[in-house]
Amino acid sequence: MRVRFGDHIDLCQRVTYNNSFFIFVTNVYGKVYTVDCKNEITASKLYEEVLINGYLDVSEFDYY
């Protein structure tokens, strides 16, 4: 799946979510991103979106 983080898009091999946080592991560098969705409802909706579309834009959320 592809995930947009602000000014770049990474190909990710794994996505998980727990409560209001997403965790992405990228393919190329094995980098791990944690995205704060602020609440579990938003995280759940985004999770469904990435399952259906194979793409997710998390640029509007805090991530590190």
PDB file of N, CA and C in Angstrom:
ATOM      1  N   MET A   1       0.832  -1.168   0.000  1.00  0.00           N
ATOM      2  CA  MET A   1       0.000   0.000   0.000  1.00  0.00           C
ATOM      3  C   MET A   1       0.883   1.239   0.000  1.00  0.00           C
ATOM      4  N   ARG A   2       0.330   2.308  -0.495  1.00  0.00           N
ATOM      5  CA  ARG A   2       1.060   3.575  -0.535  1.00  0.00           C
ATOM      6  C   ARG A   2       0.486   4.506   0.533  1.00  0.00           C
ATOM      7  N   VAL A   3       1.385   5.199   1.212  1.00  0.00           N
ATOM      8  CA  VAL A   3       0.973   6.137   2.260  1.00  0.00           C
ATOM      9  C   VAL A   3       1.696   7.458   2.033  1.00  0.00           C
ATOM     10  N   ARG A   4       0.918   8.529   1.997  1.00  0.00           N
ATOM     11  CA  ARG A   4       1.495   9.862   1.836  1.00  0.00           C
ATOM     12  C   ARG A   4       1.748  10.473   3.204  1.00  0.00           C
ATOM     13  N   PHE A   5       2.993  10.878   3.402  1.00  0.00           N
ATOM     14  CA  PHE A   5       3.423  11.570   4.616  1.00  0.00           C
ATOM     15  C   PHE A   5       3.909  12.953   4.198  1.00  0.00           C
ATOM     16  N   GLY A   6       3.020  13.916   4.188  1.00  0.00           N
ATOM     17  CA  GLY A   6       3.413  15.287   3.835  1.00  0.00           C
ATOM     18  C   GLY A   6       3.963  15.374   2.428  1.00  0.00           C
ATOM     19  N   ASP A   7       5.280  15.531   2.305  1.00  0.00           N
ATOM     20  CA  ASP A   7       5.908  15.769   1.008  1.00  0.00           C
ATOM     21  C   ASP A   7       6.475  14.517   0.344  1.00  0.00           C
ATOM     22  N   HIS A   8       6.142  13.339   0.867  1.00  0.00           N
ATOM     23  CA  HIS A   8       6.623  12.115   0.214  1.00  0.00           C
ATOM     24  C   HIS A   8       5.611  10.979   0.381  1.00  0.00           C
ATOM     25  N   ILE A   9       5.705  10.013  -0.511  1.00  0.00           N
ATOM     26  CA  ILE A   9       4.847   8.837  -0.480  1.00  0.00           C
ATOM     27  C   ILE A   9       5.745   7.613  -0.326  1.00  0.00           C
ATOM     28  N   ASP A  10       5.429   6.766   0.631  1.00  0.00           N
ATOM     29  CA  ASP A  10       6.197   5.544   0.865  1.00  0.00           C
ATOM     30  C   ASP A  10       5.344   4.319   0.580  1.00  0.00           C
ATOM     31  N   LEU A  11       5.999   3.307   0.077  1.00  0.00           N
ATOM     32  CA  LEU A  11       5.369   2.010  -0.080  1.00  0.00           C
ATOM     33  C   LEU A  11       5.524   1.291   1.254  1.00  0.00           C
ATOM     34  N   CYS A  12       4.416   0.866   1.841  1.00  0.00           N
ATOM     35  CA  CYS A  12       4.461   0.258   3.172  1.00  0.00           C
ATOM     36  C   CYS A  12       4.090  -1.211   3.094  1.00  0.00           C
ATOM     37  N   GLN A  13       4.757  -2.004   3.891  1.00  0.00           N
ATOM     38  CA  GLN A  13       4.493  -3.436   3.903  1.00  0.00           C
ATOM     39  C   GLN A  13       3.584  -3.842   5.039  1.00  0.00           C
ATOM     40  N   ARG A  14       3.442  -3.000   6.038  1.00  0.00           N
ATOM     41  CA  ARG A  14       2.606  -3.368   7.179  1.00  0.00           C
ATOM     42  C   ARG A  14       1.945  -2.127   7.757  1.00  0.00           C
ATOM     43  N   VAL A  15       0.667  -2.275   8.108  1.00  0.00           N
ATOM     44  CA  VAL A  15      -0.057  -1.223   8.810  1.00  0.00           C
ATOM     45  C   VAL A  15      -0.840  -1.877   9.939  1.00  0.00           C
ATOM     46  N   THR A  16      -0.741  -1.295  11.109  1.00  0.00           N
ATOM     47  CA  THR A  16      -1.528  -1.749  12.247  1.00  0.00           C
ATOM     48  C   THR A  16      -2.083  -0.519  12.944  1.00  0.00           C
ATOM     49  N   TYR A  17      -3.159  -0.707  13.682  1.00  0.00           N
ATOM     50  CA  TYR A  17      -3.635   0.410  14.489  1.00  0.00           C
ATOM     51  C   TYR A  17      -4.115  -0.102  15.826  1.00  0.00           C
ATOM     52  N   ASN A  18      -3.939   0.753  16.826  1.00  0.00           N
ATOM     53  CA  ASN A  18      -4.311   0.444  18.194  1.00  0.00           C
ATOM     54  C   ASN A  18      -4.857   1.732  18.799  1.00  0.00           C
ATOM     55  N   ASN A  19      -6.093   1.713  19.187  1.00  0.00           N
ATOM     56  CA  ASN A  19      -6.763   2.908  19.708  1.00  0.00           C
ATOM     57  C   ASN A  19      -6.721   4.014  18.678  1.00  0.00           C
ATOM     58  N   SER A  20      -6.005   5.089  18.942  1.00  0.00           N
ATOM     59  CA  SER A  20      -5.980   6.218  18.011  1.00  0.00           C
ATOM     60  C   SER A  20      -4.659   6.332  17.257  1.00  0.00           C
ATOM     61  N   PHE A  21      -3.826   5.306  17.290  1.00  0.00           N
ATOM     62  CA  PHE A  21      -2.521   5.357  16.639  1.00  0.00           C
ATOM     63  C   PHE A  21      -2.405   4.327  15.520  1.00  0.00           C
ATOM     64  N   PHE A  22      -1.831   4.761  14.397  1.00  0.00           N
ATOM     65  CA  PHE A  22      -1.469   3.878  13.298  1.00  0.00           C
ATOM     66  C   PHE A  22       0.027   3.654  13.358  1.00  0.00           C
ATOM     67  N   ILE A  23       0.471   2.484  12.976  1.00  0.00           N
ATOM     68  CA  ILE A  23       1.891   2.211  12.848  1.00  0.00           C
ATOM     69  C   ILE A  23       2.118   1.661  11.446  1.00  0.00           C
ATOM     70  N   PHE A  24       3.008   2.315  10.691  1.00  0.00           N
ATOM     71  CA  PHE A  24       3.339   1.908   9.334  1.00  0.00           C
ATOM     72  C   PHE A  24       4.801   1.491   9.284  1.00  0.00           C
ATOM     73  N   VAL A  25       5.090   0.422   8.576  1.00  0.00           N
ATOM     74  CA  VAL A  25       6.466  -0.001   8.328  1.00  0.00           C
ATOM     75  C   VAL A  25       6.689   0.099   6.829  1.00  0.00           C
ATOM     76  N   THR A  26       7.706   0.875   6.416  1.00  0.00           N
ATOM     77  CA  THR A  26       7.951   1.075   4.992  1.00  0.00           C
ATOM     78  C   THR A  26       8.752  -0.076   4.403  1.00  0.00           C
ATOM     79  N   ASN A  27       8.596  -0.279   3.105  1.00  0.00           N
ATOM     80  CA  ASN A  27       9.308  -1.345   2.390  1.00  0.00           C
ATOM     81  C   ASN A  27      10.778  -1.032   2.184  1.00  0.00           C
ATOM     82  N   VAL A  28      11.055   0.169   1.718  1.00  0.00           N
ATOM     83  CA  VAL A  28      12.393   0.486   1.247  1.00  0.00           C
ATOM     84  C   VAL A  28      13.420   0.570   2.367  1.00  0.00           C
ATOM     85  N   TYR A  29      13.141   1.324   3.390  1.00  0.00           N
ATOM     86  CA  TYR A  29      14.132   1.544   4.433  1.00  0.00           C
ATOM     87  C   TYR A  29      13.787   0.856   5.749  1.00  0.00           C
ATOM     88  N   GLY A  30      12.634   0.217   5.822  1.00  0.00           N
ATOM     89  CA  GLY A  30      12.215  -0.420   7.060  1.00  0.00           C
ATOM     90  C   GLY A  30      11.903   0.593   8.148  1.00  0.00           C
ATOM     91  N   LYS A  31      11.666   1.833   7.734  1.00  0.00           N
ATOM     92  CA  LYS A  31      11.365   2.895   8.694  1.00  0.00           C
ATOM     93  C   LYS A  31       9.969   2.684   9.281  1.00  0.00           C
ATOM     94  N   VAL A  32       9.819   3.008  10.538  1.00  0.00           N
ATOM     95  CA  VAL A  32       8.538   2.871  11.217  1.00  0.00           C
ATOM     96  C   VAL A  32       7.978   4.265  11.491  1.00  0.00           C
ATOM     97  N   TYR A  33       6.753   4.506  11.047  1.00  0.00           N
ATOM     98  CA  TYR A  33       6.049   5.756  11.316  1.00  0.00           C
ATOM     99  C   TYR A  33       4.889   5.481  12.261  1.00  0.00           C
ATOM    100  N   THR A  34       4.703   6.353  13.216  1.00  0.00           N
ATOM    101  CA  THR A  34       3.538   6.303  14.099  1.00  0.00           C
ATOM    102  C   THR A  34       2.711   7.552  13.830  1.00  0.00           C
ATOM    103  N   VAL A  35       1.427   7.358  13.555  1.00  0.00           N
ATOM    104  CA  VAL A  35       0.518   8.454  13.216  1.00  0.00           C
ATOM    105  C   VAL A  35      -0.524   8.583  14.317  1.00  0.00           C
ATOM    106  N   ASP A  36      -0.672   9.792  14.858  1.00  0.00           N
ATOM    107  CA  ASP A  36      -1.664  10.056  15.898  1.00  0.00           C
ATOM    108  C   ASP A  36      -2.954  10.540  15.246  1.00  0.00           C
ATOM    109  N   CYS A  37      -3.982   9.685  15.237  1.00  0.00           N
ATOM    110  CA  CYS A  37      -5.276  10.015  14.624  1.00  0.00           C
ATOM    111  C   CYS A  37      -6.212  10.743  15.595  1.00  0.00           C
ATOM    112  N   LYS A  38      -5.789  10.929  16.804  1.00  0.00           N
ATOM    113  CA  LYS A  38      -6.511  11.662  17.860  1.00  0.00           C
ATOM    114  C   LYS A  38      -7.646  10.877  18.517  1.00  0.00           C
ATOM    115  N   ASN A  39      -8.284   9.955  17.783  1.00  0.00           N
ATOM    116  CA  ASN A  39      -9.336   9.144  18.403  1.00  0.00           C
ATOM    117  C   ASN A  39      -9.504   7.826  17.642  1.00  0.00           C
ATOM    118  N   GLU A  40     -10.130   6.884  18.297  1.00  0.00           N
ATOM    119  CA  GLU A  40     -10.264   5.543  17.737  1.00  0.00           C
ATOM    120  C   GLU A  40     -11.220   5.494  16.543  1.00  0.00           C
ATOM    121  N   ILE A  41     -12.224   6.351  16.529  1.00  0.00           N
ATOM    122  CA  ILE A  41     -13.181   6.375  15.414  1.00  0.00           C
ATOM    123  C   ILE A  41     -12.478   6.777  14.117  1.00  0.00           C
ATOM    124  N   THR A  42     -11.671   7.819  14.172  1.00  0.00           N
ATOM    125  CA  THR A  42     -10.927   8.258  12.996  1.00  0.00           C
ATOM    126  C   THR A  42      -9.951   7.181  12.549  1.00  0.00           C
ATOM    127  N   ALA A  43      -9.255   6.568  13.484  1.00  0.00           N
ATOM    128  CA  ALA A  43      -8.307   5.507  13.149  1.00  0.00           C
ATOM    129  C   ALA A  43      -9.007   4.345  12.466  1.00  0.00           C
ATOM    130  N   SER A  44     -10.170   3.982  12.959  1.00  0.00           N
ATOM    131  CA  SER A  44     -10.933   2.884  12.376  1.00  0.00           C
ATOM    132  C   SER A  44     -11.372   3.211  10.951  1.00  0.00           C
ATOM    133  N   LYS A  45     -11.842   4.427  10.718  1.00  0.00           N
ATOM    134  CA  LYS A  45     -12.270   4.845   9.377  1.00  0.00           C
ATOM    135  C   LYS A  45     -11.101   4.841   8.400  1.00  0.00           C
ATOM    136  N   LEU A  46      -9.955   5.340   8.848  1.00  0.00           N
ATOM    137  CA  LEU A  46      -8.773   5.359   7.989  1.00  0.00           C
ATOM    138  C   LEU A  46      -8.293   3.951   7.681  1.00  0.00           C
ATOM    139  N   TYR A  47      -8.390   3.061   8.646  1.00  0.00           N
ATOM    140  CA  TYR A  47      -8.002   1.677   8.443  1.00  0.00           C
ATOM    141  C   TYR A  47      -8.865   1.034   7.352  1.00  0.00           C
ATOM    142  N   GLU A  48     -10.164   1.268   7.416  1.00  0.00           N
ATOM    143  CA  GLU A  48     -11.068   0.752   6.379  1.00  0.00           C
ATOM    144  C   GLU A  48     -10.717   1.346   5.014  1.00  0.00           C
ATOM    145  N   GLU A  49     -10.388   2.635   5.004  1.00  0.00           N
ATOM    146  CA  GLU A  49     -10.039   3.314   3.755  1.00  0.00           C
ATOM    147  C   GLU A  49      -8.796   2.694   3.114  1.00  0.00           C
ATOM    148  N   VAL A  50      -7.787   2.430   3.916  1.00  0.00           N
ATOM    149  CA  VAL A  50      -6.557   1.861   3.356  1.00  0.00           C
ATOM    150  C   VAL A  50      -6.787   0.424   2.884  1.00  0.00           C
ATOM    151  N   LEU A  51      -7.671  -0.313   3.531  1.00  0.00           N
ATOM    152  CA  LEU A  51      -7.996  -1.670   3.080  1.00  0.00           C
ATOM    153  C   LEU A  51      -8.697  -1.658   1.729  1.00  0.00           C
ATOM    154  N   ILE A  52      -9.578  -0.698   1.529  1.00  0.00           N
ATOM    155  CA  ILE A  52     -10.354  -0.619   0.292  1.00  0.00           C
ATOM    156  C   ILE A  52      -9.531  -0.036  -0.850  1.00  0.00           C
ATOM    157  N   ASN A  53      -8.828   1.071  -0.589  1.00  0.00           N
ATOM    158  CA  ASN A  53      -8.144   1.807  -1.647  1.00  0.00           C
ATOM    159  C   ASN A  53      -6.677   1.431  -1.848  1.00  0.00           C
ATOM    160  N   GLY A  54      -6.028   0.901  -0.826  1.00  0.00           N
ATOM    161  CA  GLY A  54      -4.598   0.617  -0.929  1.00  0.00           C
ATOM    162  C   GLY A  54      -3.747   1.872  -0.874  1.00  0.00           C
ATOM    163  N   TYR A  55      -4.360   2.997  -0.517  1.00  0.00           N
ATOM    164  CA  TYR A  55      -3.669   4.295  -0.436  1.00  0.00           C
ATOM    165  C   TYR A  55      -4.253   5.072   0.723  1.00  0.00           C
ATOM    166  N   LEU A  56      -3.391   5.820   1.402  1.00  0.00           N
ATOM    167  CA  LEU A  56      -3.856   6.641   2.515  1.00  0.00           C
ATOM    168  C   LEU A  56      -2.996   7.889   2.604  1.00  0.00           C
ATOM    169  N   ASP A  57      -3.620   9.033   2.817  1.00  0.00           N
ATOM    170  CA  ASP A  57      -2.913  10.296   3.007  1.00  0.00           C
ATOM    171  C   ASP A  57      -3.042  10.682   4.481  1.00  0.00           C
ATOM    172  N   VAL A  58      -1.934  10.653   5.195  1.00  0.00           N
ATOM    173  CA  VAL A  58      -1.947  10.994   6.625  1.00  0.00           C
ATOM    174  C   VAL A  58      -1.251  12.330   6.883  1.00  0.00           C
ATOM    175  N   SER A  59      -1.129  13.147   5.844  1.00  0.00           N
ATOM    176  CA  SER A  59      -0.416  14.420   5.953  1.00  0.00           C
ATOM    177  C   SER A  59      -1.016  15.376   6.965  1.00  0.00           C
ATOM    178  N   GLU A  60      -2.322  15.295   7.206  1.00  0.00           N
ATOM    179  CA  GLU A  60      -2.969  16.233   8.117  1.00  0.00           C
ATOM    180  C   GLU A  60      -2.803  15.839   9.589  1.00  0.00           C
ATOM    181  N   PHE A  61      -2.259  14.664   9.833  1.00  0.00           N
ATOM    182  CA  PHE A  61      -2.079  14.185  11.211  1.00  0.00           C
ATOM    183  C   PHE A  61      -0.629  14.335  11.658  1.00  0.00           C
ATOM    184  N   ASP A  62      -0.439  14.342  12.969  1.00  0.00           N
ATOM    185  CA  ASP A  62       0.918  14.347  13.511  1.00  0.00           C
ATOM    186  C   ASP A  62       1.493  12.956  13.346  1.00  0.00           C
ATOM    187  N   TYR A  63       2.708  12.882  12.857  1.00  0.00           N
ATOM    188  CA  TYR A  63       3.369  11.588  12.739  1.00  0.00           C
ATOM    189  C   TYR A  63       4.857  11.771  13.055  1.00  0.00           C
ATOM    190  N   TYR A  64       5.442  10.687  13.476  1.00  0.00           N
ATOM    191  CA  TYR A  64       6.866  10.709  13.821  1.00  0.00           C
ATOM    192  C   TYR A  64       7.468   9.339  13.595  1.00  0.00           C
TER     193      TYR A  64
END
